[in-house]
Protein backbone atom coordinates (compact mmCIF):
# COMPACT_ATOMS: atom_id res chain seq x y z
CA MET A 1 38.61 17.00 1.55
CA SER A 2 35.73 14.60 1.04
CA THR A 3 32.08 15.42 1.42
CA ILE A 4 29.50 13.06 2.87
CA SER A 5 25.88 13.51 1.90
CA THR A 6 23.53 14.02 4.82
CA ILE A 7 20.36 14.21 2.76
CA LYS A 8 17.56 12.19 4.27
CA MET A 9 15.49 9.88 2.11
CA THR A 10 11.90 11.06 1.83
CA ALA A 11 8.87 8.87 2.37
CA HIS A 12 8.02 9.08 -1.34
CA GLN A 13 11.57 8.09 -2.36
CA PHE A 14 11.37 5.14 0.02
CA LEU A 15 8.08 3.98 -1.50
CA GLU A 16 9.72 3.98 -4.94
CA LEU A 17 12.12 1.25 -3.78
CA GLY A 18 9.38 -1.33 -4.33
CA GLU A 19 8.69 -4.48 -2.36
CA ASP A 20 10.97 -5.68 0.43
CA PRO A 21 13.37 -8.55 -0.23
CA VAL A 22 12.06 -11.92 1.00
CA GLY A 23 12.46 -12.34 4.77
CA VAL A 24 13.30 -8.66 5.34
CA ARG A 25 11.04 -5.89 6.62
CA LEU A 26 12.11 -2.36 5.71
CA GLU A 27 10.87 0.89 7.24
CA LEU A 28 11.98 4.50 6.93
CA VAL A 29 12.85 6.12 10.26
CA ASN A 30 13.96 9.76 10.24
CA GLY A 31 15.09 9.41 6.63
CA LYS A 32 17.13 6.26 7.19
CA VAL A 33 16.19 2.74 6.09
CA ALA A 34 15.71 0.43 9.07
CA VAL A 35 15.67 -3.37 8.81
CA SER A 36 13.61 -5.62 11.07
CA PRO A 37 13.76 -9.39 11.38
CA SER A 38 10.84 -11.61 10.42
CA PRO A 39 8.14 -12.10 13.09
CA THR A 40 8.42 -14.91 15.65
CA PRO A 41 5.82 -17.73 15.72
CA ASP A 42 4.17 -16.17 18.83
CA HIS A 43 3.98 -12.82 17.05
CA SER A 44 2.53 -14.36 13.90
CA TYR A 45 -0.08 -16.36 15.83
CA VAL A 46 -1.32 -13.31 17.76
CA ASP A 47 -1.39 -11.31 14.53
CA SER A 48 -3.50 -13.96 12.75
CA MET A 49 -5.95 -14.46 15.59
CA LEU A 50 -6.43 -10.74 16.28
CA ARG A 51 -6.83 -9.89 12.62
CA HIS A 52 -9.49 -12.60 12.29
CA LEU A 53 -11.47 -11.13 15.22
CA LEU A 54 -11.14 -7.56 13.97
CA ILE A 55 -11.98 -8.29 10.33
CA SER A 56 -15.12 -10.21 11.34
CA HIS A 57 -16.26 -7.37 13.61
CA VAL A 58 -15.45 -4.52 11.22
CA LYS A 59 -16.90 -6.23 8.16
CA ALA A 60 -20.16 -7.27 9.88
CA ARG A 61 -20.75 -3.66 10.97
CA ASP A 62 -19.35 -1.95 7.84
CA LEU A 63 -17.04 0.16 10.01
CA GLY A 64 -14.07 0.48 7.66
CA GLN A 65 -11.14 -1.72 6.72
CA ILE A 66 -8.40 -3.72 8.48
CA TYR A 67 -4.91 -4.03 7.03
CA GLY A 68 -1.64 -5.50 8.19
CA ASP A 69 2.03 -4.82 7.68
CA VAL A 70 1.61 -2.15 4.99
CA ASP A 71 3.64 1.02 4.45
CA THR A 72 2.10 3.88 6.41
CA ILE A 73 3.42 7.43 6.01
CA PHE A 74 3.87 9.27 9.32
CA GLY A 75 5.82 12.23 8.04
CA PRO A 76 8.04 13.42 5.21
CA HIS A 77 10.88 11.11 6.36
CA ASP A 78 8.99 8.32 8.17
CA VAL A 79 7.28 5.22 6.82
CA ARG A 80 6.31 2.53 9.33
CA ARG A 81 4.54 -0.81 8.93
CA PRO A 82 2.27 -1.38 11.93
CA ASP A 83 1.31 -5.02 12.49
CA VAL A 84 -2.43 -4.29 12.27
CA ILE A 85 -4.08 -1.11 10.98
CA PHE A 86 -7.70 0.08 11.00
CA PHE A 87 -9.15 2.90 8.94
CA ALA A 88 -12.72 3.99 9.67
CA LYS A 89 -15.09 4.10 6.72
CA ASN A 90 -15.06 7.90 6.51
CA ARG A 91 -11.23 7.92 6.25
CA LEU A 92 -10.68 5.30 3.54
CA HIS A 93 -9.68 8.08 1.13
CA LEU A 94 -6.28 8.08 2.90
CA ILE A 95 -5.44 4.68 1.40
CA SER A 96 -3.55 4.90 -1.90
CA ASN A 97 -2.28 2.19 -4.21
CA LYS A 98 1.18 2.31 -2.61
CA ALA A 99 0.68 3.23 1.04
CA MET A 100 -1.47 4.64 3.78
CA GLU A 101 -1.25 8.41 3.27
CA GLY A 102 -2.43 9.48 6.71
CA PRO A 103 -2.66 8.30 10.30
CA PRO A 104 -4.78 5.19 10.88
CA ASP A 105 -7.60 5.22 13.41
CA LEU A 106 -5.87 2.27 15.12
CA CYS A 107 -2.35 0.86 15.02
CA VAL A 108 -1.54 -2.41 16.76
CA GLU A 109 2.00 -3.54 17.51
CA ILE A 110 2.72 -7.06 18.66
CA LEU A 111 5.95 -7.20 20.62
CA SER A 112 8.81 -9.46 19.66
CA PRO A 113 12.03 -9.69 21.68
CA SER A 114 13.75 -7.42 19.15
CA SER A 115 10.94 -4.85 18.92
CA ALA A 116 9.73 -4.30 22.51
CA LYS A 117 11.71 -1.12 23.18
CA THR A 118 10.90 0.36 19.78
CA ASP A 119 7.18 -0.42 20.05
CA ARG A 120 6.82 0.91 23.62
CA ALA A 121 8.87 4.07 23.13
CA ASP A 122 9.72 5.12 19.56
CA ARG A 123 6.51 3.99 17.86
CA PHE A 124 4.44 5.13 20.84
CA GLU A 125 5.74 8.68 20.38
CA GLN A 126 5.62 8.58 16.60
CA TYR A 127 2.02 7.32 16.50
CA ARG A 128 0.99 9.87 19.14
CA GLY A 129 2.69 12.70 17.29
CA GLY A 130 1.28 11.47 13.98
CA GLY A 131 -2.29 11.62 15.24
CA VAL A 132 -3.10 7.90 15.45
CA GLY A 133 -6.34 7.85 17.46
CA HIS A 134 -5.78 4.49 19.15
CA TYR A 135 -2.69 2.38 19.79
CA TRP A 136 -2.68 -1.16 21.15
CA ILE A 137 0.50 -2.88 22.36
CA ILE A 138 0.28 -6.66 22.67
CA ASP A 139 2.97 -8.66 24.47
CA PRO A 140 2.76 -12.40 23.66
CA ASP A 141 5.50 -13.27 26.19
CA GLN A 142 3.76 -11.55 29.12
CA ARG A 143 0.32 -12.24 27.61
CA THR A 144 -0.82 -8.65 28.05
CA VAL A 145 -2.52 -5.95 26.02
CA ASP A 146 -2.51 -2.20 26.66
CA GLY A 147 -4.88 0.02 24.71
CA TYR A 148 -4.33 3.78 24.44
CA LYS A 149 -6.57 6.56 23.20
CA LEU A 150 -5.32 9.91 21.93
CA GLN A 151 -6.72 12.74 24.06
CA ASP A 152 -5.54 16.34 23.80
CA GLY A 153 -2.41 15.21 21.95
CA LEU A 154 -1.41 12.61 24.56
CA TYR A 155 -2.08 8.89 24.87
CA ALA A 156 -4.21 7.91 27.85
CA LEU A 157 -4.54 4.29 28.92
CA ALA A 158 -8.02 3.22 27.75
CA GLY A 159 -7.89 -0.44 28.75
CA ARG A 160 -5.63 -3.23 29.81
CA GLY A 161 -5.87 -6.99 30.06
CA LYS A 162 -3.76 -10.08 30.68
CA ALA A 163 -3.78 -13.87 30.37
CA SER A 164 -7.40 -15.02 29.93
CA ASP A 165 -9.15 -11.68 30.49
CA THR A 166 -11.74 -10.48 28.02
CA VAL A 167 -11.21 -6.84 27.05
CA CYS A 168 -13.10 -4.22 25.09
CA LEU A 169 -10.84 -1.51 23.72
CA PRO A 170 -11.57 1.61 21.73
CA PRO A 171 -12.24 2.14 18.89
CA PHE A 172 -14.28 -1.07 19.21
CA PRO A 173 -16.05 -0.78 22.60
CA ASP A 174 -18.63 -3.40 21.60
CA LEU A 175 -16.07 -6.05 20.60
CA PRO A 176 -15.16 -8.41 23.45
CA ILE A 177 -11.67 -9.78 22.82
CA PRO A 178 -11.01 -13.03 24.69
CA LEU A 179 -7.26 -12.75 25.17
CA ALA A 180 -6.83 -16.49 25.75
CA GLU A 181 -7.66 -16.96 22.05
CA LEU A 182 -4.76 -14.75 20.99
CA TRP A 183 -1.97 -16.69 22.68
CA ARG A 184 -0.24 -19.51 20.81
CA PRO A 185 -0.80 -22.82 22.61
CA LYS A 186 2.42 -24.12 24.16
């Protein structure tokens, strides 16, 4: 009779693996290593443009720090890498040398064809359950953004925009985001 180990990898064991191989994005989901493909050009363009807007805004107002694609611990067996992450100034102590050790104030996921279901369902629930205060989902194909705010343990839609709308989403109500600038020119 053979025995198969069912021990889950912990977040701290996962972080000891070191950097991802080139062209591969690894996350830990319920104790199992999950592999994601590299971002598409549309995804990368939105990421770059949004990060530029957010960094400028956050830095000018000394609000905290913006990060991207870094290991973020969401539980003892879960390490995700949100596309864009914001930590408010009073919560920067949650950032260690290896990973984010607590829920960000904002997580942004930019949909790719392979990630849409995961970002809208699995991550949505994980970020909600993990206490992420704000979650934005950006869809480059549909050219939409949905912003959610955590209220009483549930995400409530806090704002929505499409195409060339200009939106202001929490936690940055004074930052107008011209969506037309996010979309990669065709």
